[in-house]
C-alpha atoms as a PDB file:
ATOM      1  CA  MET A   1       6.821  11.009 -12.988  1.00  0.00           C
ATOM      2  CA  SER A   2       8.318   8.088 -10.191  1.00  0.00           C
ATOM      3  CA  SER A   3       6.589   7.152  -7.713  1.00  0.00           C
ATOM      4  CA  THR A   4       8.310   6.595  -3.833  1.00  0.00           C
ATOM      5  CA  LEU A   5       9.558   4.462  -1.408  1.00  0.00           C
ATOM      6  CA  LEU A   6      10.123   5.251   2.629  1.00  0.00           C
ATOM      7  CA  ILE A   7      12.391   2.535   4.137  1.00  0.00           C
ATOM      8  CA  VAL A   8      12.285   3.042   7.868  1.00  0.00           C
ATOM      9  CA  GLU A   9      15.724   0.861   9.395  1.00  0.00           C
ATOM     10  CA  ASP A  10      17.668   1.689  11.909  1.00  0.00           C
ATOM     11  CA  HIS A  11      20.533  -0.440  10.758  1.00  0.00           C
ATOM     12  CA  LEU A  12      22.324   1.876   7.868  1.00  0.00           C
ATOM     13  CA  ILE A  13      24.164  -1.611   6.579  1.00  0.00           C
ATOM     14  CA  PHE A  14      20.628  -3.354   6.182  1.00  0.00           C
ATOM     15  CA  ARG A  15      19.091   0.036   5.327  1.00  0.00           C
ATOM     16  CA  ARG A  16      21.358   0.466   2.270  1.00  0.00           C
ATOM     17  CA  MET A  17      21.429  -3.129   1.437  1.00  0.00           C
ATOM     18  CA  VAL A  18      17.644  -3.247   1.133  1.00  0.00           C
ATOM     19  CA  ARG A  19      18.169   0.430  -1.057  1.00  0.00           C
ATOM     20  CA  LYS A  20      20.376  -1.165  -3.299  1.00  0.00           C
ATOM     21  CA  MET A  21      18.296  -4.275  -4.201  1.00  0.00           C
ATOM     22  CA  LEU A  22      15.195  -2.824  -4.776  1.00  0.00           C
ATOM     23  CA  HIS A  23      16.964  -0.093  -6.983  1.00  0.00           C
ATOM     24  CA  GLU A  24      18.510  -3.216  -8.963  1.00  0.00           C
ATOM     25  CA  TRP A  25      14.408  -4.496  -9.194  1.00  0.00           C
ATOM     26  CA  PHE A  26      12.628  -1.239  -9.665  1.00  0.00           C
ATOM     27  CA  PRO A  27      14.925   1.617 -11.110  1.00  0.00           C
ATOM     28  CA  SER A  28      12.490   3.614 -11.949  1.00  0.00           C
ATOM     29  CA  LEU A  29      11.564   3.562  -7.875  1.00  0.00           C
ATOM     30  CA  ALA A  30      12.233   6.846  -5.731  1.00  0.00           C
ATOM     31  CA  ILE A  31      14.086   5.334  -2.682  1.00  0.00           C
ATOM     32  CA  VAL A  32      14.129   7.891   0.001  1.00  0.00           C
ATOM     33  CA  GLU A  33      15.963   6.756   3.796  1.00  0.00           C
ATOM     34  CA  ALA A  34      14.940   7.778   7.788  1.00  0.00           C
ATOM     35  CA  GLY A  35      16.729   5.588  10.464  1.00  0.00           C
ATOM     36  CA  ASP A  36      14.490   6.566  13.247  1.00  0.00           C
ATOM     37  CA  VAL A  37      11.092   8.002  13.991  1.00  0.00           C
ATOM     38  CA  GLY A  38      11.081  11.941  13.674  1.00  0.00           C
ATOM     39  CA  GLU A  39      13.419  10.388  10.353  1.00  0.00           C
ATOM     40  CA  ALA A  40      10.218   8.681   8.868  1.00  0.00           C
ATOM     41  CA  LEU A  41       7.085  11.122   9.998  1.00  0.00           C
ATOM     42  CA  ARG A  42       9.445  14.308   8.279  1.00  0.00           C
ATOM     43  CA  CYS A  43      10.539  11.762   4.748  1.00  0.00           C
ATOM     44  CA  ALA A  44       6.766  10.607   4.596  1.00  0.00           C
ATOM     45  CA  ALA A  45       5.231  14.469   5.381  1.00  0.00           C
ATOM     46  CA  ALA A  46       7.895  15.754   2.567  1.00  0.00           C
ATOM     47  CA  HIS A  47       7.985  12.762   0.453  1.00  0.00           C
ATOM     48  CA  THR A  48       4.425  10.820   0.599  1.00  0.00           C
ATOM     49  CA  PRO A  49       5.606   7.741  -0.684  1.00  0.00           C
ATOM     50  CA  GLU A  50       3.418   5.351  -2.447  1.00  0.00           C
ATOM     51  CA  ILE A  51       4.901   2.872   0.123  1.00  0.00           C
ATOM     52  CA  ILE A  52       6.556   2.744   2.966  1.00  0.00           C
ATOM     53  CA  LEU A  53       9.057  -0.851   4.047  1.00  0.00           C
ATOM     54  CA  MET A  54       8.772   0.111   8.040  1.00  0.00           C
ATOM     55  CA  ASP A  55      10.976  -1.488  10.626  1.00  0.00           C
ATOM     56  CA  ILE A  56       9.401  -2.112  14.030  1.00  0.00           C
ATOM     57  CA  HIS A  57      11.710  -1.520  15.952  1.00  0.00           C
ATOM     58  CA  LEU A  58      13.501   1.831  16.292  1.00  0.00           C
ATOM     59  CA  PRO A  59      15.668   4.088  18.425  1.00  0.00           C
ATOM     60  CA  THR A  60      13.662   6.589  19.426  1.00  0.00           C
ATOM     61  CA  GLY A  61      10.472   4.824  19.648  1.00  0.00           C
ATOM     62  CA  SER A  62       7.747   2.141  17.633  1.00  0.00           C
ATOM     63  CA  GLY A  63       7.347   1.866  14.136  1.00  0.00           C
ATOM     64  CA  LEU A  64       4.431   0.548  15.152  1.00  0.00           C
ATOM     65  CA  ASP A  65       3.059   4.190  16.174  1.00  0.00           C
ATOM     66  CA  VAL A  66       4.434   6.060  13.110  1.00  0.00           C
ATOM     67  CA  THR A  67       2.896   3.908  10.558  1.00  0.00           C
ATOM     68  CA  ARG A  68      -0.668   4.843  12.855  1.00  0.00           C
ATOM     69  CA  ARG A  69       0.842   8.412  12.507  1.00  0.00           C
ATOM     70  CA  ILE A  70       1.466   7.740   8.653  1.00  0.00           C
ATOM     71  CA  LYS A  71      -2.090   6.335   8.253  1.00  0.00           C
ATOM     72  CA  GLU A  72      -3.629   9.058   9.449  1.00  0.00           C
ATOM     73  CA  ASP A  73      -2.405  11.621   7.539  1.00  0.00           C
ATOM     74  CA  LEU A  74      -1.900   9.480   4.389  1.00  0.00           C
ATOM     75  CA  PRO A  75      -3.950   7.244   4.495  1.00  0.00           C
ATOM     76  CA  GLY A  76      -3.578   5.714   0.902  1.00  0.00           C
ATOM     77  CA  THR A  77       0.073   5.004   1.530  1.00  0.00           C
ATOM     78  CA  ILE A  78       1.249   1.577   1.435  1.00  0.00           C
ATOM     79  CA  VAL A  79       3.098   0.530   4.368  1.00  0.00           C
ATOM     80  CA  ILE A  80       4.528  -3.469   5.186  1.00  0.00           C
ATOM     81  CA  VAL A  81       6.813  -3.937   8.484  1.00  0.00           C
ATOM     82  CA  CYS A  82       9.717  -5.834   7.949  1.00  0.00           C
ATOM     83  CA  THR A  83      11.278  -6.883  11.353  1.00  0.00           C
ATOM     84  CA  SER A  84      13.144  -9.827  12.239  1.00  0.00           C
ATOM     85  CA  GLU A  85      10.640 -10.938  14.654  1.00  0.00           C
ATOM     86  CA  ASN A  86       8.424 -13.580  12.957  1.00  0.00           C
ATOM     87  CA  CYS A  87       5.750 -14.514  15.387  1.00  0.00           C
ATOM     88  CA  ALA A  88       1.725 -14.706  15.739  1.00  0.00           C
ATOM     89  CA  MET A  89       1.650 -10.968  18.279  1.00  0.00           C
ATOM     90  CA  TYR A  90       3.503  -8.790  15.878  1.00  0.00           C
ATOM     91  CA  ARG A  91       1.722  -9.674  12.865  1.00  0.00           C
ATOM     92  CA  LYS A  92      -1.045  -9.399  14.109  1.00  0.00           C
ATOM     93  CA  ALA A  93      -0.039  -5.430  15.745  1.00  0.00           C
ATOM     94  CA  ALA A  94       1.329  -4.799  12.663  1.00  0.00           C
ATOM     95  CA  LEU A  95      -1.529  -5.611  10.421  1.00  0.00           C
ATOM     96  CA  GLU A  96      -3.652  -3.755  13.929  1.00  0.00           C
ATOM     97  CA  SER A  97      -1.905  -0.760  13.628  1.00  0.00           C
ATOM     98  CA  GLY A  98      -2.659  -0.185   9.432  1.00  0.00           C
ATOM     99  CA  ALA A  99      -0.213  -2.373   8.353  1.00  0.00           C
ATOM    100  CA  SER A 100      -0.893  -3.427   4.983  1.00  0.00           C
ATOM    101  CA  HIS A 101       1.022  -6.455   4.785  1.00  0.00           C
ATOM    102  CA  PHE A 102       4.435  -7.840   6.762  1.00  0.00           C
ATOM    103  CA  ILE A 103       7.922  -9.997   6.119  1.00  0.00           C
ATOM    104  CA  THR A 104      11.106 -10.368   7.160  1.00  0.00           C
ATOM    105  CA  LYS A 105      14.028  -9.105   7.145  1.00  0.00           C
ATOM    106  CA  SER A 106      15.297 -12.419   6.094  1.00  0.00           C
ATOM    107  CA  GLU A 107      12.737 -12.760   3.839  1.00  0.00           C
ATOM    108  CA  LEU A 108      13.627  -8.631   1.751  1.00  0.00           C
ATOM    109  CA  SER A 109      17.477  -9.884   2.044  1.00  0.00           C
ATOM    110  CA  VAL A 110      16.669 -13.519   0.848  1.00  0.00           C
ATOM    111  CA  GLY A 111      14.416 -11.671  -2.328  1.00  0.00           C
ATOM    112  CA  ASP A 112      11.671 -14.441  -1.129  1.00  0.00           C
ATOM    113  CA  SER A 113       9.272 -10.701  -1.205  1.00  0.00           C
ATOM    114  CA  ARG A 114       9.299  -9.188  -4.854  1.00  0.00           C
ATOM    115  CA  SER A 115       6.193 -10.537  -5.508  1.00  0.00           C
ATOM    116  CA  VAL A 116       4.878  -8.769  -2.510  1.00  0.00           C
ATOM    117  CA  LEU A 117       6.257  -6.277  -3.008  1.00  0.00           C
ATOM    118  CA  GLU A 118       5.346  -5.941  -7.025  1.00  0.00           C
ATOM    119  CA  ALA A 119       1.398  -6.458  -5.101  1.00  0.00           C
ATOM    120  CA  ALA A 120       1.447  -3.022  -2.741  1.00  0.00           C
ATOM    121  CA  PHE A 121       2.972  -1.538  -5.030  1.00  0.00           C
ATOM    122  CA  ALA A 122       0.104  -3.115  -7.698  1.00  0.00           C
ATOM    123  CA  ALA A 123      -2.870  -2.234  -5.167  1.00  0.00           C
ATOM    124  CA  ALA A 124      -0.753   1.411  -4.401  1.00  0.00           C
ATOM    125  CA  GLY A 125      -1.142   2.190  -8.733  1.00  0.00           C
ATOM    126  CA  VAL A 126       2.535   2.543  -8.417  1.00  0.00           C
ATOM    127  CA  CYS A 127       3.868   0.879 -12.158  1.00  0.00           C
ATOM    128  CA  CYS A 128       7.837   0.114 -10.946  1.00  0.00           C
ATOM    129  CA  ARG A 129       9.358  -2.253 -14.537  1.00  0.00           C
ATOM    130  CA  THR A 130      11.909  -4.707 -13.000  1.00  0.00           C
ATOM    131  CA  PRO A 131      15.319  -4.858 -14.602  1.00  0.00           C
ATOM    132  CA  ASP A 132      13.420  -7.919 -17.149  1.00  0.00           C
ATOM    133  CA  GLN A 133      10.162  -5.961 -17.928  1.00  0.00           C
ATOM    134  CA  VAL A 134      12.307  -2.963 -20.044  1.00  0.00           C
ATOM    135  CA  PRO A 135      13.016  -3.626 -23.209  1.00  0.00           C
ATOM    136  CA  PRO A 136      15.972  -3.748 -25.076  1.00  0.00           C
END
């Protein structure tokens, strides 16, 4: 049984880029996508992801509010807030909403966040083999 990660991001091109990168890093991971608040809540309920990458600014509401709601229903889910806003106020708000980690989109897009993701998977008890760990 594979583990599931939900990407909540309204920008389709960025969401697809993240999906491709995650699939390359963690090929056994099932990845689900949502582009707004309603989709995020439906996908979380339907797929019970172990990890969620959550944008803050969504067209139909706040990713921080979605994080609070998901953490109420799925307290074991690890939420990583991933946004372009790199300021202390957003970091604090993300952690207060129930997120476990905060990374910027620039960190994610250049691959600096792989260790954060691996730590989150380990904390969730998720084993995702990376390409360099797959035996020949």
